[in-house]
Amino acid sequence: MDLGNGNLVVRGADLALNGPGIELAFDRFYNGLSSREDAFGTAWSMSVGQDVGLEIDPLRA
């Protein structure tokens, strides 16, 4: 909760798969100030989409 603007942001982890050299995660985010409509409802978004990327952990590589 951001007390300055009253925004509530929540993250929910839906799926996490860990394997040798790869981690796959699907997370949901709620942004109370968003009016975005998504499959999860108003103000919810998925971690996959425009921001999909690859992150390599040097300690696991």
N, C-alpha and C. Protein backbone atom coordinates (compact mmCIF):
# COMPACT_ATOMS: atom_id res chain seq x y z
N MET A 1 0.85 -1.17 0.00
CA MET A 1 0.00 0.00 0.00
C MET A 1 0.89 1.23 0.00
N ASP A 2 0.68 2.08 -0.98
CA ASP A 2 1.37 3.36 -1.05
C ASP A 2 0.52 4.38 -0.31
N LEU A 3 0.96 4.82 0.84
CA LEU A 3 0.16 5.75 1.65
C LEU A 3 0.05 7.12 1.01
N GLY A 4 0.98 7.45 0.10
CA GLY A 4 0.94 8.74 -0.58
C GLY A 4 -0.23 8.86 -1.54
N ASN A 5 -0.52 7.79 -2.27
CA ASN A 5 -1.61 7.87 -3.26
C ASN A 5 -2.71 6.83 -3.02
N GLY A 6 -2.57 5.99 -2.01
CA GLY A 6 -3.59 5.01 -1.68
C GLY A 6 -3.63 3.80 -2.60
N ASN A 7 -2.60 3.62 -3.41
CA ASN A 7 -2.59 2.51 -4.35
C ASN A 7 -2.19 1.21 -3.67
N LEU A 8 -2.95 0.18 -3.98
CA LEU A 8 -2.64 -1.16 -3.49
C LEU A 8 -2.09 -1.98 -4.65
N VAL A 9 -0.91 -2.54 -4.48
CA VAL A 9 -0.29 -3.41 -5.49
C VAL A 9 -0.05 -4.77 -4.84
N VAL A 10 -0.55 -5.82 -5.49
CA VAL A 10 -0.44 -7.18 -4.95
C VAL A 10 0.12 -8.09 -6.03
N ARG A 11 1.01 -8.98 -5.65
CA ARG A 11 1.57 -9.97 -6.57
C ARG A 11 1.15 -11.35 -6.11
N GLY A 12 0.70 -12.15 -7.06
CA GLY A 12 0.34 -13.53 -6.77
C GLY A 12 1.10 -14.47 -7.68
N ALA A 13 1.77 -15.45 -7.12
CA ALA A 13 2.54 -16.42 -7.91
C ALA A 13 1.62 -17.59 -8.27
N ASP A 14 1.35 -17.76 -9.56
CA ASP A 14 0.45 -18.81 -10.01
C ASP A 14 1.17 -20.11 -10.32
N LEU A 15 2.38 -20.01 -10.88
CA LEU A 15 3.10 -21.21 -11.28
C LEU A 15 4.59 -20.92 -11.24
N ALA A 16 5.37 -21.87 -10.72
CA ALA A 16 6.82 -21.76 -10.73
C ALA A 16 7.41 -23.14 -11.01
N LEU A 17 8.22 -23.22 -12.05
CA LEU A 17 8.90 -24.46 -12.40
C LEU A 17 10.39 -24.20 -12.42
N ASN A 18 11.13 -24.97 -11.66
CA ASN A 18 12.57 -24.84 -11.61
C ASN A 18 13.20 -26.11 -12.14
N GLY A 19 14.16 -25.93 -13.03
CA GLY A 19 14.87 -27.07 -13.60
C GLY A 19 16.32 -26.71 -13.81
N PRO A 20 17.11 -27.63 -14.27
CA PRO A 20 18.52 -27.35 -14.49
C PRO A 20 18.71 -26.23 -15.53
N GLY A 21 19.18 -25.10 -15.08
CA GLY A 21 19.49 -24.00 -15.97
C GLY A 21 18.32 -23.14 -16.39
N ILE A 22 17.11 -23.42 -15.90
CA ILE A 22 15.96 -22.61 -16.30
C ILE A 22 14.95 -22.51 -15.17
N GLU A 23 14.37 -21.35 -15.05
CA GLU A 23 13.26 -21.14 -14.12
C GLU A 23 12.13 -20.51 -14.90
N LEU A 24 10.93 -21.00 -14.70
CA LEU A 24 9.76 -20.48 -15.39
C LEU A 24 8.75 -20.08 -14.34
N ALA A 25 8.25 -18.85 -14.44
CA ALA A 25 7.27 -18.37 -13.45
C ALA A 25 6.19 -17.56 -14.14
N PHE A 26 4.97 -17.75 -13.69
CA PHE A 26 3.83 -16.96 -14.12
C PHE A 26 3.25 -16.29 -12.89
N ASP A 27 3.29 -14.99 -12.89
CA ASP A 27 2.79 -14.21 -11.75
C ASP A 27 1.65 -13.31 -12.20
N ARG A 28 0.76 -12.99 -11.27
CA ARG A 28 -0.33 -12.05 -11.47
C ARG A 28 -0.07 -10.82 -10.61
N PHE A 29 -0.46 -9.66 -11.11
CA PHE A 29 -0.29 -8.42 -10.38
C PHE A 29 -1.60 -7.65 -10.35
N TYR A 30 -1.93 -7.12 -9.18
CA TYR A 30 -3.10 -6.25 -9.03
C TYR A 30 -2.59 -4.85 -8.75
N ASN A 31 -3.10 -3.88 -9.51
CA ASN A 31 -2.76 -2.48 -9.33
C ASN A 31 -4.07 -1.73 -9.12
N GLY A 32 -4.31 -1.30 -7.91
CA GLY A 32 -5.57 -0.67 -7.55
C GLY A 32 -5.90 0.59 -8.33
N LEU A 33 -4.92 1.27 -8.89
CA LEU A 33 -5.18 2.48 -9.66
C LEU A 33 -5.35 2.21 -11.15
N SER A 34 -5.21 0.97 -11.55
CA SER A 34 -5.33 0.62 -12.97
C SER A 34 -6.79 0.38 -13.34
N SER A 35 -7.15 0.81 -14.53
CA SER A 35 -8.50 0.53 -15.05
C SER A 35 -8.44 -0.52 -16.15
N ARG A 36 -7.30 -1.16 -16.28
CA ARG A 36 -7.07 -2.16 -17.32
C ARG A 36 -7.99 -3.37 -17.12
N GLU A 37 -8.60 -3.80 -18.21
CA GLU A 37 -9.43 -5.02 -18.20
C GLU A 37 -8.59 -6.16 -18.76
N ASP A 38 -8.54 -7.26 -18.05
CA ASP A 38 -7.77 -8.42 -18.47
C ASP A 38 -8.60 -9.67 -18.20
N ALA A 39 -8.09 -10.81 -18.59
CA ALA A 39 -8.80 -12.07 -18.37
C ALA A 39 -9.04 -12.34 -16.88
N PHE A 40 -8.22 -11.76 -16.02
CA PHE A 40 -8.36 -11.95 -14.58
C PHE A 40 -9.29 -10.95 -13.94
N GLY A 41 -9.71 -9.94 -14.71
CA GLY A 41 -10.61 -8.91 -14.18
C GLY A 41 -9.96 -7.54 -14.21
N THR A 42 -10.69 -6.55 -13.74
CA THR A 42 -10.19 -5.18 -13.73
C THR A 42 -9.00 -5.04 -12.79
N ALA A 43 -7.97 -4.35 -13.27
CA ALA A 43 -6.76 -3.99 -12.52
C ALA A 43 -5.77 -5.15 -12.35
N TRP A 44 -6.06 -6.33 -12.91
CA TRP A 44 -5.15 -7.46 -12.83
C TRP A 44 -4.37 -7.58 -14.14
N SER A 45 -3.12 -8.01 -14.06
CA SER A 45 -2.32 -8.28 -15.25
C SER A 45 -1.43 -9.49 -14.99
N MET A 46 -0.96 -10.09 -16.05
CA MET A 46 -0.08 -11.27 -15.99
C MET A 46 1.36 -10.83 -16.17
N SER A 47 2.27 -11.64 -15.66
CA SER A 47 3.69 -11.32 -15.80
C SER A 47 4.19 -11.60 -17.21
N VAL A 48 3.47 -12.36 -18.00
CA VAL A 48 3.88 -12.63 -19.37
C VAL A 48 3.13 -11.69 -20.30
N GLY A 49 3.80 -11.25 -21.33
CA GLY A 49 3.21 -10.32 -22.28
C GLY A 49 4.30 -9.43 -22.84
N GLN A 50 4.08 -8.14 -22.82
CA GLN A 50 5.04 -7.20 -23.37
C GLN A 50 6.36 -7.21 -22.61
N ASP A 51 6.32 -7.57 -21.35
CA ASP A 51 7.54 -7.52 -20.53
C ASP A 51 8.23 -8.88 -20.40
N VAL A 52 7.93 -9.82 -21.27
CA VAL A 52 8.58 -11.13 -21.21
C VAL A 52 10.05 -10.98 -21.52
N GLY A 53 10.89 -11.61 -20.72
CA GLY A 53 12.32 -11.53 -20.95
C GLY A 53 13.03 -12.74 -20.37
N LEU A 54 14.31 -12.74 -20.53
CA LEU A 54 15.16 -13.82 -20.03
C LEU A 54 16.12 -13.23 -19.01
N GLU A 55 16.15 -13.84 -17.85
CA GLU A 55 17.06 -13.41 -16.79
C GLU A 55 17.95 -14.58 -16.44
N ILE A 56 19.26 -14.37 -16.50
CA ILE A 56 20.22 -15.44 -16.20
C ILE A 56 20.87 -15.15 -14.85
N ASP A 57 20.76 -16.12 -13.97
CA ASP A 57 21.37 -16.00 -12.65
C ASP A 57 22.80 -16.54 -12.75
N PRO A 58 23.81 -15.69 -12.59
CA PRO A 58 25.19 -16.14 -12.74
C PRO A 58 25.60 -17.18 -11.71
N LEU A 59 24.90 -17.25 -10.59
CA LEU A 59 25.23 -18.24 -9.58
C LEU A 59 24.72 -19.63 -9.96
N ARG A 60 23.78 -19.71 -10.90
CA ARG A 60 23.22 -20.98 -11.32
C ARG A 60 23.71 -21.39 -12.71
N ALA A 61 24.29 -20.47 -13.43
CA ALA A 61 24.71 -20.76 -14.82
C ALA A 61 25.96 -21.59 -14.86
